[in-house]
Amino acid sequence: MGATSEFLTPVPRRSDGKREWPLDLKARVVAETLIAGETVKGVAGRYDLIPSTVSDWRRMARQGKLVLPNLDGMGFVPVEIEEAAVPAEAPVGAGRSGTLDIVKGDVVIRLEASTPAGRIAEIVMAL
């Protein structure tokens, strides 16, 4: 079964003949692997893909590069929460009211406390 029949529209091909999968279709394929009873190999076979390609897309989803649709029967993805590493020295001005500090390694980004959550998320994803 080819990708064309699955989506009723052809998946565009690059000049080298490889399919150019749009992000929303990659996300749908990954979401299908999260349905109870599904396997990466089984889903990959339905879309005429090799399982390692689907595994790569799953990694993209874990990194926040794909937004998955909510499909019927989809299970929760396990999440592991790590303890936050406490920097040896607090950045200058840390803890001041009215500001928010985002720290990653030696990089400190200081934002106003009124910064919209969406903008904060964009900055964090870019780090």
C-alpha atoms as a PDB file:
ATOM      1  CA  MET A   1       0.000   0.000   0.000  1.00  0.00           C
ATOM      2  CA  GLY A   2       1.563   3.268  -1.034  1.00  0.00           C
ATOM      3  CA  ALA A   3       1.397   6.635   0.610  1.00  0.00           C
ATOM      4  CA  THR A   4      -0.745   8.015  -2.211  1.00  0.00           C
ATOM      5  CA  SER A   5      -3.700   5.771  -1.383  1.00  0.00           C
ATOM      6  CA  GLU A   6      -3.416   6.447   2.358  1.00  0.00           C
ATOM      7  CA  PHE A   7      -3.856  10.203   2.034  1.00  0.00           C
ATOM      8  CA  LEU A   8      -5.720  10.409  -1.305  1.00  0.00           C
ATOM      9  CA  THR A   9      -3.111  12.940  -2.422  1.00  0.00           C
ATOM     10  CA  PRO A  10       0.353  12.150  -3.658  1.00  0.00           C
ATOM     11  CA  VAL A  11       3.320  12.721  -1.371  1.00  0.00           C
ATOM     12  CA  PRO A  12       5.601  15.054  -3.361  1.00  0.00           C
ATOM     13  CA  ARG A  13       8.897  13.662  -4.622  1.00  0.00           C
ATOM     14  CA  ARG A  14      12.245  15.409  -4.733  1.00  0.00           C
ATOM     15  CA  SER A  15      14.388  15.499  -7.861  1.00  0.00           C
ATOM     16  CA  ASP A  16      16.226  12.370  -6.659  1.00  0.00           C
ATOM     17  CA  GLY A  17      12.904  10.465  -6.500  1.00  0.00           C
ATOM     18  CA  LYS A  18      12.617  10.344  -2.709  1.00  0.00           C
ATOM     19  CA  ARG A  19       9.302  11.316  -1.139  1.00  0.00           C
ATOM     20  CA  GLU A  20       9.154  14.678   0.649  1.00  0.00           C
ATOM     21  CA  TRP A  21       6.864  14.001   3.601  1.00  0.00           C
ATOM     22  CA  PRO A  22       5.142  17.118   5.015  1.00  0.00           C
ATOM     23  CA  LEU A  23       5.479  17.560   8.790  1.00  0.00           C
ATOM     24  CA  ASP A  24       1.769  16.952   9.424  1.00  0.00           C
ATOM     25  CA  LEU A  25       1.934  13.574   7.676  1.00  0.00           C
ATOM     26  CA  LYS A  26       5.098  12.618   9.580  1.00  0.00           C
ATOM     27  CA  ALA A  27       3.294  13.543  12.801  1.00  0.00           C
ATOM     28  CA  ARG A  28       0.295  11.381  11.874  1.00  0.00           C
ATOM     29  CA  VAL A  29       2.536   8.377  11.145  1.00  0.00           C
ATOM     30  CA  VAL A  30       4.300   8.826  14.503  1.00  0.00           C
ATOM     31  CA  ALA A  31       0.961   9.190  16.305  1.00  0.00           C
ATOM     32  CA  GLU A  32      -0.198   5.896  14.801  1.00  0.00           C
ATOM     33  CA  THR A  33       2.792   4.148  16.401  1.00  0.00           C
ATOM     34  CA  LEU A  34       1.458   5.251  19.806  1.00  0.00           C
ATOM     35  CA  ILE A  35      -1.885   3.489  19.384  1.00  0.00           C
ATOM     36  CA  ALA A  36      -2.168   0.451  21.643  1.00  0.00           C
ATOM     37  CA  GLY A  37      -1.132  -2.705  19.782  1.00  0.00           C
ATOM     38  CA  GLU A  38       0.683  -0.894  16.960  1.00  0.00           C
ATOM     39  CA  THR A  39       4.368  -1.315  16.205  1.00  0.00           C
ATOM     40  CA  VAL A  40       6.832   0.894  14.364  1.00  0.00           C
ATOM     41  CA  LYS A  41       7.396  -1.898  11.858  1.00  0.00           C
ATOM     42  CA  GLY A  42       3.666  -2.368  11.221  1.00  0.00           C
ATOM     43  CA  VAL A  43       2.966   1.345  10.743  1.00  0.00           C
ATOM     44  CA  ALA A  44       6.051   1.765   8.537  1.00  0.00           C
ATOM     45  CA  GLY A  45       4.874  -1.092   6.339  1.00  0.00           C
ATOM     46  CA  ARG A  46       1.460   0.517   5.810  1.00  0.00           C
ATOM     47  CA  TYR A  47       3.134   3.667   4.488  1.00  0.00           C
ATOM     48  CA  ASP A  48       5.816   1.870   2.486  1.00  0.00           C
ATOM     49  CA  LEU A  49       8.549   3.226   4.783  1.00  0.00           C
ATOM     50  CA  ILE A  50      11.501   1.584   6.444  1.00  0.00           C
ATOM     51  CA  PRO A  51      11.116   1.335  10.238  1.00  0.00           C
ATOM     52  CA  SER A  52      14.261   3.410  10.909  1.00  0.00           C
ATOM     53  CA  THR A  53      12.654   6.376   9.105  1.00  0.00           C
ATOM     54  CA  VAL A  54       9.638   6.191  11.417  1.00  0.00           C
ATOM     55  CA  SER A  55      11.982   5.862  14.403  1.00  0.00           C
ATOM     56  CA  ASP A  56      13.774   9.038  13.255  1.00  0.00           C
ATOM     57  CA  TRP A  57      10.425  10.834  13.109  1.00  0.00           C
ATOM     58  CA  ARG A  58       9.595   9.571  16.621  1.00  0.00           C
ATOM     59  CA  ARG A  59      12.863  11.109  17.803  1.00  0.00           C
ATOM     60  CA  MET A  60      11.828  14.404  16.163  1.00  0.00           C
ATOM     61  CA  ALA A  61       8.551  14.242  18.108  1.00  0.00           C
ATOM     62  CA  ARG A  62      10.400  13.663  21.395  1.00  0.00           C
ATOM     63  CA  GLN A  63      12.529  16.723  20.625  1.00  0.00           C
ATOM     64  CA  GLY A  64       9.399  18.821  20.061  1.00  0.00           C
ATOM     65  CA  LYS A  65       9.902  19.170  16.303  1.00  0.00           C
ATOM     66  CA  LEU A  66       6.605  17.442  15.459  1.00  0.00           C
ATOM     67  CA  VAL A  67       3.203  18.194  16.971  1.00  0.00           C
ATOM     68  CA  LEU A  68       1.245  14.956  17.106  1.00  0.00           C
ATOM     69  CA  PRO A  69      -2.480  14.772  16.432  1.00  0.00           C
ATOM     70  CA  ASN A  70      -4.684  13.071  19.012  1.00  0.00           C
ATOM     71  CA  LEU A  71      -5.831   9.798  17.422  1.00  0.00           C
ATOM     72  CA  ASP A  72      -8.404   7.406  18.875  1.00  0.00           C
ATOM     73  CA  GLY A  73      -6.690   4.668  20.879  1.00  0.00           C
ATOM     74  CA  MET A  74      -3.476   6.630  21.251  1.00  0.00           C
ATOM     75  CA  GLY A  75      -1.719   5.951  24.527  1.00  0.00           C
ATOM     76  CA  PHE A  76       0.287   8.295  26.664  1.00  0.00           C
ATOM     77  CA  VAL A  77       3.970   8.666  25.971  1.00  0.00           C
ATOM     78  CA  PRO A  78       6.129   7.962  29.029  1.00  0.00           C
ATOM     79  CA  VAL A  79       7.880  11.040  30.382  1.00  0.00           C
ATOM     80  CA  GLU A  80      10.992  11.068  32.517  1.00  0.00           C
ATOM     81  CA  ILE A  81      11.593  14.115  34.685  1.00  0.00           C
ATOM     82  CA  GLU A  82      15.150  14.875  35.678  1.00  0.00           C
ATOM     83  CA  GLU A  83      16.264  16.906  38.638  1.00  0.00           C
ATOM     84  CA  ALA A  84      17.268  20.388  37.538  1.00  0.00           C
ATOM     85  CA  ALA A  85      20.994  20.982  37.719  1.00  0.00           C
ATOM     86  CA  VAL A  86      21.725  23.769  40.165  1.00  0.00           C
ATOM     87  CA  PRO A  87      24.375  26.160  38.830  1.00  0.00           C
ATOM     88  CA  ALA A  88      27.412  26.618  41.087  1.00  0.00           C
ATOM     89  CA  GLU A  89      26.785  30.356  41.168  1.00  0.00           C
ATOM     90  CA  ALA A  90      23.442  32.016  40.722  1.00  0.00           C
ATOM     91  CA  PRO A  91      23.457  34.446  37.769  1.00  0.00           C
ATOM     92  CA  VAL A  92      23.646  38.125  38.630  1.00  0.00           C
ATOM     93  CA  GLY A  93      20.190  39.401  39.434  1.00  0.00           C
ATOM     94  CA  ALA A  94      18.692  35.949  39.876  1.00  0.00           C
ATOM     95  CA  GLY A  95      15.561  35.948  41.923  1.00  0.00           C
ATOM     96  CA  ARG A  96      14.679  39.581  41.265  1.00  0.00           C
ATOM     97  CA  SER A  97      10.943  40.061  41.111  1.00  0.00           C
ATOM     98  CA  GLY A  98       9.558  41.008  37.730  1.00  0.00           C
ATOM     99  CA  THR A  99      12.052  38.935  35.717  1.00  0.00           C
ATOM    100  CA  LEU A 100      12.392  35.381  34.521  1.00  0.00           C
ATOM    101  CA  ASP A 101      15.819  33.856  33.877  1.00  0.00           C
ATOM    102  CA  ILE A 102      16.264  30.947  31.462  1.00  0.00           C
ATOM    103  CA  VAL A 103      19.626  29.273  32.088  1.00  0.00           C
ATOM    104  CA  LYS A 104      21.255  26.689  29.835  1.00  0.00           C
ATOM    105  CA  GLY A 105      24.925  26.063  30.498  1.00  0.00           C
ATOM    106  CA  ASP A 106      26.704  29.410  30.374  1.00  0.00           C
ATOM    107  CA  VAL A 107      23.795  31.131  28.586  1.00  0.00           C
ATOM    108  CA  VAL A 108      21.362  33.233  30.624  1.00  0.00           C
ATOM    109  CA  ILE A 109      18.319  34.797  28.967  1.00  0.00           C
ATOM    110  CA  ARG A 110      16.518  37.309  31.171  1.00  0.00           C
ATOM    111  CA  LEU A 111      12.895  38.093  30.313  1.00  0.00           C
ATOM    112  CA  GLU A 112      10.273  40.342  31.830  1.00  0.00           C
ATOM    113  CA  ALA A 113       7.803  38.427  33.988  1.00  0.00           C
ATOM    114  CA  SER A 114       5.032  39.648  31.689  1.00  0.00           C
ATOM    115  CA  THR A 115       6.506  37.769  28.683  1.00  0.00           C
ATOM    116  CA  PRO A 116       3.752  35.614  27.128  1.00  0.00           C
ATOM    117  CA  ALA A 117       4.075  31.873  27.755  1.00  0.00           C
ATOM    118  CA  GLY A 118       4.079  31.175  24.012  1.00  0.00           C
ATOM    119  CA  ARG A 119       7.140  33.384  23.526  1.00  0.00           C
ATOM    120  CA  ILE A 120       8.927  31.732  26.454  1.00  0.00           C
ATOM    121  CA  ALA A 121       8.214  28.314  24.905  1.00  0.00           C
ATOM    122  CA  GLU A 122       9.631  29.465  21.540  1.00  0.00           C
ATOM    123  CA  ILE A 123      12.841  30.621  23.217  1.00  0.00           C
ATOM    124  CA  VAL A 124      13.203  27.411  25.210  1.00  0.00           C
ATOM    125  CA  MET A 125      12.656  25.276  22.079  1.00  0.00           C
ATOM    126  CA  ALA A 126      15.359  27.268  20.262  1.00  0.00           C
ATOM    127  CA  LEU A 127      17.948  26.496  22.948  1.00  0.00           C
END
